[in-house]
Structures are given as C-alpha cells and as structure tokens.
Amino acid sequence: MGVRVLRAAGRSVMPWKNGGGVTREVAACPPDAALEDFGWRVSLADVARGGPFSAFAGVDRIITVVDGPGMELTVDGVAHTLDEPYRPFSFPGDAVTDCRLLGGPIVDFNVMTRRGRATADVRVVRDGFAVRPQSGISVLVIALAGMVAVAEPAVTLDRLDAALFSDGDAGDLRVDGVAAVVTITTVTTT
C-alpha cells in the first residue's frame, strides 16, 4: 500500500459531536468513516473553553495536550490534571467526562478506538526510531513540535503533519522536536 503522508494543511474542520468545538481528523479506519462507525480515529482538537466531552459508547480514548496550559478532566467523578504537554492520558469514551481549562485555550491530540475492533498505544518520542508494522498493525507518526524526517520514502513531516504506516511498510525516522507514535492493532475475532 505504501506510506501515506497526511499533511496538516489538507485537513478539513468538523464540529464536535456535542457541538462545543471543532476537530481536524488526521486519519480513520475505515477512511471517511462517520463518528458512529469508525474502528479507530485520530484527530486534533482546538479547545477554547471548558465543558462536557462528547460521549462515545464502546470507545476507548487517549488524549494528549499539545499546546496551551492544560486542562483538568473529570472522568466519572475523578479529577485528572493534564498540565504538561505530550503526556498521553487514557480513559473510556463512554465515561461522563468534563473539562476545565487551566488558563486558556489548548490543542489536544486524540486517539479513539472502538472496543472489540481495535486497540491503541501512544508514545512520545524525541529521537530516531524505526517503524516496521506487522500484519494487522498500523503505525501513525505525527510531528507535534519541530519536524520528523522519514528516510524512505524521503519525506519531511512539518509540525502536525503525519505519516501512516501499514503492514509491509517500513521506515527509519529522525525526530527534530517531538513526535507521537500511535500503534493501532486491529482486533481479530476467531
């Protein structure tokens, strides 16, 4: 299939499920899936004010603050302070979740997986690494700060650009800044 380069400039803006803000989809499976039928979805959101999160039944979420002073998420009555950038936080998408901003607008990076269809892991890297996904695994790399250089094919990812690697794709990457590496495993049923 080949590595798919996903430029930040090409992303369309869509309203949040609850109408309280906007998001930019980085990638989803299947491509162009609606919010009700994705297996997995990765996006960036501009959060200008606090309020309730949209509920996603049967979905697990990993959220990472990229820009801004951070937020406090209250998930099913338990407060979690996310005041450092680039620290992934996992929680159930169907939990009652409310957000309080800690001093101004933020940008967050969201990974959502539908239970029984996919699982995800997010790690933040600041140096070189290799990507060689096996069957049933996709790896999405996004430059959160600075840039990421992919050796083959020779591609430079500027801030918020991404590359999606699937089965059979491989790449050696150099990070000059901060990148998120999202490993998504498709759940197979027997």
C-alpha atoms as a PDB file:
ATOM      1  CA  MET A   1       0.000   0.000   0.000  1.00  0.00           C
ATOM      2  CA  GLY A   2       2.832   2.409   0.779  1.00  0.00           C
ATOM      3  CA  VAL A   3       3.300   5.030   3.469  1.00  0.00           C
ATOM      4  CA  ARG A   4       0.512   7.619   3.402  1.00  0.00           C
ATOM      5  CA  VAL A   5       1.636  11.188   4.128  1.00  0.00           C
ATOM      6  CA  LEU A   6      -1.156  13.206   5.753  1.00  0.00           C
ATOM      7  CA  ARG A   7      -0.460  16.946   5.606  1.00  0.00           C
ATOM      8  CA  ALA A   8      -1.937  19.251   8.250  1.00  0.00           C
ATOM      9  CA  ALA A   9      -2.920  21.790   5.605  1.00  0.00           C
ATOM     10  CA  GLY A  10      -5.213  19.273   3.895  1.00  0.00           C
ATOM     11  CA  ARG A  11      -7.411  18.506   6.920  1.00  0.00           C
ATOM     12  CA  SER A  12     -10.999  19.631   6.986  1.00  0.00           C
ATOM     13  CA  VAL A  13     -12.607  21.079  10.089  1.00  0.00           C
ATOM     14  CA  MET A  14     -15.646  19.353  11.554  1.00  0.00           C
ATOM     15  CA  PRO A  15     -17.796  20.192  14.587  1.00  0.00           C
ATOM     16  CA  TRP A  16     -17.577  18.108  17.731  1.00  0.00           C
ATOM     17  CA  LYS A  17     -20.286  15.540  18.274  1.00  0.00           C
ATOM     18  CA  ASN A  18     -21.724  17.729  21.075  1.00  0.00           C
ATOM     19  CA  GLY A  19     -21.369  20.949  19.020  1.00  0.00           C
ATOM     20  CA  GLY A  20     -18.990  22.552  21.535  1.00  0.00           C
ATOM     21  CA  GLY A  21     -15.944  22.975  19.299  1.00  0.00           C
ATOM     22  CA  VAL A  22     -14.099  21.739  16.229  1.00  0.00           C
ATOM     23  CA  THR A  23     -11.746  18.899  15.367  1.00  0.00           C
ATOM     24  CA  ARG A  24      -9.458  18.052  12.469  1.00  0.00           C
ATOM     25  CA  GLU A  25      -9.313  14.376  11.568  1.00  0.00           C
ATOM     26  CA  VAL A  26      -5.787  13.091  10.930  1.00  0.00           C
ATOM     27  CA  ALA A  27      -6.776   9.533   9.941  1.00  0.00           C
ATOM     28  CA  ALA A  28      -9.526   6.984  10.489  1.00  0.00           C
ATOM     29  CA  CYS A  29     -10.304   3.384   9.670  1.00  0.00           C
ATOM     30  CA  PRO A  30     -12.147   2.828   7.532  1.00  0.00           C
ATOM     31  CA  PRO A  31     -11.202   6.061   5.746  1.00  0.00           C
ATOM     32  CA  ASP A  32     -14.018   8.634   5.794  1.00  0.00           C
ATOM     33  CA  ALA A  33     -15.890   6.673   8.495  1.00  0.00           C
ATOM     34  CA  ALA A  34     -18.603   8.531  10.384  1.00  0.00           C
ATOM     35  CA  LEU A  35     -18.347   9.061  14.142  1.00  0.00           C
ATOM     36  CA  GLU A  36     -20.725   6.150  14.694  1.00  0.00           C
ATOM     37  CA  ASP A  37     -18.843   3.517  12.678  1.00  0.00           C
ATOM     38  CA  PHE A  38     -15.061   4.058  12.830  1.00  0.00           C
ATOM     39  CA  GLY A  39     -12.824   1.234  14.045  1.00  0.00           C
ATOM     40  CA  TRP A  40     -10.257   3.842  15.054  1.00  0.00           C
ATOM     41  CA  ARG A  41      -9.891   7.595  14.658  1.00  0.00           C
ATOM     42  CA  VAL A  42      -7.048  10.042  15.272  1.00  0.00           C
ATOM     43  CA  SER A  43      -7.670  13.792  15.422  1.00  0.00           C
ATOM     44  CA  LEU A  44      -6.538  17.163  16.736  1.00  0.00           C
ATOM     45  CA  ALA A  45      -8.984  19.446  18.567  1.00  0.00           C
ATOM     46  CA  ASP A  46      -8.950  23.159  19.316  1.00  0.00           C
ATOM     47  CA  VAL A  47     -10.444  23.643  22.781  1.00  0.00           C
ATOM     48  CA  ALA A  48     -11.318  27.282  23.503  1.00  0.00           C
ATOM     49  CA  ARG A  49     -13.447  26.690  26.602  1.00  0.00           C
ATOM     50  CA  GLY A  50     -14.240  24.001  29.135  1.00  0.00           C
ATOM     51  CA  GLY A  51     -17.363  21.882  29.231  1.00  0.00           C
ATOM     52  CA  PRO A  52     -18.636  18.336  28.848  1.00  0.00           C
ATOM     53  CA  PHE A  53     -16.946  15.898  26.471  1.00  0.00           C
ATOM     54  CA  SER A  54     -18.992  14.078  23.863  1.00  0.00           C
ATOM     55  CA  ALA A  55     -19.832  10.524  24.919  1.00  0.00           C
ATOM     56  CA  PHE A  56     -18.669   7.718  22.616  1.00  0.00           C
ATOM     57  CA  ALA A  57     -20.272   4.410  23.611  1.00  0.00           C
ATOM     58  CA  GLY A  58     -17.895   1.436  23.329  1.00  0.00           C
ATOM     59  CA  VAL A  59     -14.864   3.619  22.566  1.00  0.00           C
ATOM     60  CA  ASP A  60     -11.552   3.997  24.423  1.00  0.00           C
ATOM     61  CA  ARG A  61      -9.716   7.311  24.215  1.00  0.00           C
ATOM     62  CA  ILE A  62      -6.150   8.538  24.640  1.00  0.00           C
ATOM     63  CA  ILE A  63      -5.763  12.314  24.823  1.00  0.00           C
ATOM     64  CA  THR A  64      -2.537  14.325  24.815  1.00  0.00           C
ATOM     65  CA  VAL A  65      -2.197  18.086  25.358  1.00  0.00           C
ATOM     66  CA  VAL A  66      -0.110  19.555  22.524  1.00  0.00           C
ATOM     67  CA  ASP A  67      -0.398  23.337  23.077  1.00  0.00           C
ATOM     68  CA  GLY A  68      -1.602  25.540  25.897  1.00  0.00           C
ATOM     69  CA  PRO A  69      -1.597  25.486  29.696  1.00  0.00           C
ATOM     70  CA  GLY A  70      -3.510  22.219  30.006  1.00  0.00           C
ATOM     71  CA  MET A  71      -6.803  21.030  31.388  1.00  0.00           C
ATOM     72  CA  GLU A  72      -8.399  19.152  34.213  1.00  0.00           C
ATOM     73  CA  LEU A  73     -10.552  16.246  33.096  1.00  0.00           C
ATOM     74  CA  THR A  74     -13.115  14.870  35.497  1.00  0.00           C
ATOM     75  CA  VAL A  75     -13.843  11.311  34.379  1.00  0.00           C
ATOM     76  CA  ASP A  76     -16.748   9.600  36.172  1.00  0.00           C
ATOM     77  CA  GLY A  77     -16.256  11.964  39.120  1.00  0.00           C
ATOM     78  CA  VAL A  78     -12.456  11.606  39.405  1.00  0.00           C
ATOM     79  CA  ALA A  79     -10.316  14.678  38.541  1.00  0.00           C
ATOM     80  CA  HIS A  80      -7.136  14.263  36.459  1.00  0.00           C
ATOM     81  CA  THR A  81      -4.850  17.253  35.875  1.00  0.00           C
ATOM     82  CA  LEU A  82      -3.193  17.302  32.439  1.00  0.00           C
ATOM     83  CA  ASP A  83      -0.881  20.283  32.809  1.00  0.00           C
ATOM     84  CA  GLU A  84       2.173  19.001  30.909  1.00  0.00           C
ATOM     85  CA  PRO A  85       2.309  18.761  27.142  1.00  0.00           C
ATOM     86  CA  TYR A  86       2.999  15.421  25.474  1.00  0.00           C
ATOM     87  CA  ARG A  87       1.750  13.152  28.308  1.00  0.00           C
ATOM     88  CA  PRO A  88      -0.887  10.736  26.972  1.00  0.00           C
ATOM     89  CA  PHE A  89      -3.896  10.068  29.211  1.00  0.00           C
ATOM     90  CA  SER A  90      -6.271   7.108  28.644  1.00  0.00           C
ATOM     91  CA  PHE A  91      -9.930   6.968  29.621  1.00  0.00           C
ATOM     92  CA  PRO A  92     -13.193   5.324  28.476  1.00  0.00           C
ATOM     93  CA  GLY A  93     -15.009   7.395  25.862  1.00  0.00           C
ATOM     94  CA  ASP A  94     -18.374   6.461  27.331  1.00  0.00           C
ATOM     95  CA  ALA A  95     -17.482   7.784  30.812  1.00  0.00           C
ATOM     96  CA  VAL A  96     -19.100  11.032  31.923  1.00  0.00           C
ATOM     97  CA  THR A  97     -16.239  13.448  31.257  1.00  0.00           C
ATOM     98  CA  ASP A  98     -15.996  17.186  31.861  1.00  0.00           C
ATOM     99  CA  CYS A  99     -13.130  19.548  31.008  1.00  0.00           C
ATOM    100  CA  ARG A 100     -11.892  22.631  32.836  1.00  0.00           C
ATOM    101  CA  LEU A 101      -9.159  24.627  31.090  1.00  0.00           C
ATOM    102  CA  LEU A 102      -6.214  25.648  33.276  1.00  0.00           C
ATOM    103  CA  GLY A 103      -5.656  29.145  31.935  1.00  0.00           C
ATOM    104  CA  GLY A 104      -6.584  29.425  28.297  1.00  0.00           C
ATOM    105  CA  PRO A 105      -7.202  27.581  25.054  1.00  0.00           C
ATOM    106  CA  ILE A 106      -5.431  24.313  24.243  1.00  0.00           C
ATOM    107  CA  VAL A 107      -4.873  21.962  21.336  1.00  0.00           C
ATOM    108  CA  ASP A 108      -5.176  18.265  22.103  1.00  0.00           C
ATOM    109  CA  PHE A 109      -4.342  15.104  20.187  1.00  0.00           C
ATOM    110  CA  ASN A 110      -7.000  12.380  20.363  1.00  0.00           C
ATOM    111  CA  VAL A 111      -6.845   8.670  19.598  1.00  0.00           C
ATOM    112  CA  MET A 112     -10.126   6.750  19.729  1.00  0.00           C
ATOM    113  CA  THR A 113     -10.561   3.004  19.244  1.00  0.00           C
ATOM    114  CA  ARG A 114     -13.797   1.047  19.175  1.00  0.00           C
ATOM    115  CA  ARG A 115     -13.693  -1.808  21.691  1.00  0.00           C
ATOM    116  CA  GLY A 116     -13.647  -5.188  20.018  1.00  0.00           C
ATOM    117  CA  ARG A 117     -12.336  -3.700  16.756  1.00  0.00           C
ATOM    118  CA  ALA A 118      -9.001  -2.040  17.648  1.00  0.00           C
ATOM    119  CA  THR A 119      -6.648  -1.092  20.475  1.00  0.00           C
ATOM    120  CA  ALA A 120      -4.066   1.689  20.564  1.00  0.00           C
ATOM    121  CA  ASP A 121      -0.894   2.729  22.326  1.00  0.00           C
ATOM    122  CA  VAL A 122       0.558   6.246  22.186  1.00  0.00           C
ATOM    123  CA  ARG A 123       4.178   7.019  22.979  1.00  0.00           C
ATOM    124  CA  VAL A 124       6.002  10.305  22.641  1.00  0.00           C
ATOM    125  CA  VAL A 125       9.498  10.283  21.139  1.00  0.00           C
ATOM    126  CA  ARG A 126      12.233  12.868  20.778  1.00  0.00           C
ATOM    127  CA  ASP A 127      14.842  10.901  18.812  1.00  0.00           C
ATOM    128  CA  GLY A 128      15.154   8.451  15.937  1.00  0.00           C
ATOM    129  CA  PHE A 129      13.257   5.189  15.677  1.00  0.00           C
ATOM    130  CA  ALA A 130      12.251   2.539  13.153  1.00  0.00           C
ATOM    131  CA  VAL A 131       8.716   1.639  12.058  1.00  0.00           C
ATOM    132  CA  ARG A 132       8.000  -1.877  10.773  1.00  0.00           C
ATOM    133  CA  PRO A 133       4.371  -2.803  11.436  1.00  0.00           C
ATOM    134  CA  GLN A 134       3.335  -6.437  11.284  1.00  0.00           C
ATOM    135  CA  SER A 135       0.078  -7.760   9.862  1.00  0.00           C
ATOM    136  CA  GLY A 136      -2.973  -6.183  11.491  1.00  0.00           C
ATOM    137  CA  ILE A 137      -0.999  -3.244  12.882  1.00  0.00           C
ATOM    138  CA  SER A 138      -0.919   0.354  11.688  1.00  0.00           C
ATOM    139  CA  VAL A 139       1.502   2.983  12.982  1.00  0.00           C
ATOM    140  CA  LEU A 140       0.699   6.674  12.725  1.00  0.00           C
ATOM    141  CA  VAL A 141       3.525   9.140  13.342  1.00  0.00           C
ATOM    142  CA  ILE A 142       2.674  12.818  13.840  1.00  0.00           C
ATOM    143  CA  ALA A 143       5.113  15.690  14.323  1.00  0.00           C
ATOM    144  CA  LEU A 144       3.818  17.519  17.425  1.00  0.00           C
ATOM    145  CA  ALA A 145       6.688  20.022  17.564  1.00  0.00           C
ATOM    146  CA  GLY A 146       9.519  20.573  15.122  1.00  0.00           C
ATOM    147  CA  MET A 147       9.776  18.076  12.305  1.00  0.00           C
ATOM    148  CA  VAL A 148      10.200  14.388  11.529  1.00  0.00           C
ATOM    149  CA  ALA A 149      12.281  13.097   8.628  1.00  0.00           C
ATOM    150  CA  VAL A 150      11.319   9.771   7.055  1.00  0.00           C
ATOM    151  CA  ALA A 151      14.285   8.134   5.292  1.00  0.00           C
ATOM    152  CA  GLU A 152      12.379   6.005   2.761  1.00  0.00           C
ATOM    153  CA  PRO A 153      10.405   7.344   1.069  1.00  0.00           C
ATOM    154  CA  ALA A 154      12.285  10.599   1.654  1.00  0.00           C
ATOM    155  CA  VAL A 155       9.640  12.774   3.285  1.00  0.00           C
ATOM    156  CA  THR A 156       9.754  15.572   5.835  1.00  0.00           C
ATOM    157  CA  LEU A 157       6.828  15.956   8.190  1.00  0.00           C
ATOM    158  CA  ASP A 158       6.444  19.504   9.444  1.00  0.00           C
ATOM    159  CA  ARG A 159       4.515  20.393  12.600  1.00  0.00           C
ATOM    160  CA  LEU A 160       1.229  18.421  12.788  1.00  0.00           C
ATOM    161  CA  ASP A 161       1.884  16.530   9.527  1.00  0.00           C
ATOM    162  CA  ALA A 162       1.568  12.754   9.863  1.00  0.00           C
ATOM    163  CA  ALA A 163       2.581   9.519   8.147  1.00  0.00           C
ATOM    164  CA  LEU A 164       0.561   6.302   8.289  1.00  0.00           C
ATOM    165  CA  PHE A 165       2.439   3.009   8.016  1.00  0.00           C
ATOM    166  CA  SER A 166       0.573  -0.273   7.432  1.00  0.00           C
ATOM    167  CA  ASP A 167       1.525  -3.929   7.019  1.00  0.00           C
ATOM    168  CA  GLY A 168       4.577  -4.171   4.765  1.00  0.00           C
ATOM    169  CA  ASP A 169       5.547  -0.505   5.084  1.00  0.00           C
ATOM    170  CA  ALA A 170       8.805   0.310   6.825  1.00  0.00           C
ATOM    171  CA  GLY A 171      10.710   3.431   7.632  1.00  0.00           C
ATOM    172  CA  ASP A 172      13.549   4.878   9.636  1.00  0.00           C
ATOM    173  CA  LEU A 173      12.649   8.222  11.149  1.00  0.00           C
ATOM    174  CA  ARG A 174      14.611  11.095  12.669  1.00  0.00           C
ATOM    175  CA  VAL A 175      12.853  13.456  15.078  1.00  0.00           C
ATOM    176  CA  ASP A 176      13.941  17.078  15.461  1.00  0.00           C
ATOM    177  CA  GLY A 177      11.416  18.047  18.119  1.00  0.00           C
ATOM    178  CA  VAL A 178       8.599  15.861  19.460  1.00  0.00           C
ATOM    179  CA  ALA A 179       6.554  13.174  17.714  1.00  0.00           C
ATOM    180  CA  ALA A 180       3.679  10.974  18.792  1.00  0.00           C
ATOM    181  CA  VAL A 181       3.825   7.358  17.655  1.00  0.00           C
ATOM    182  CA  VAL A 182       0.394   5.709  17.664  1.00  0.00           C
ATOM    183  CA  THR A 183       0.384   1.918  17.316  1.00  0.00           C
ATOM    184  CA  ILE A 184      -3.056   0.621  16.374  1.00  0.00           C
ATOM    185  CA  THR A 185      -3.775  -3.101  16.480  1.00  0.00           C
ATOM    186  CA  THR A 186      -6.819  -4.452  14.693  1.00  0.00           C
ATOM    187  CA  VAL A 187      -8.665  -6.965  16.859  1.00  0.00           C
ATOM    188  CA  THR A 188      -9.198 -10.243  15.055  1.00  0.00           C
ATOM    189  CA  THR A 189     -12.068 -12.487  16.001  1.00  0.00           C
ATOM    190  CA  THR A 190     -11.773 -16.230  15.732  1.00  0.00           C
END
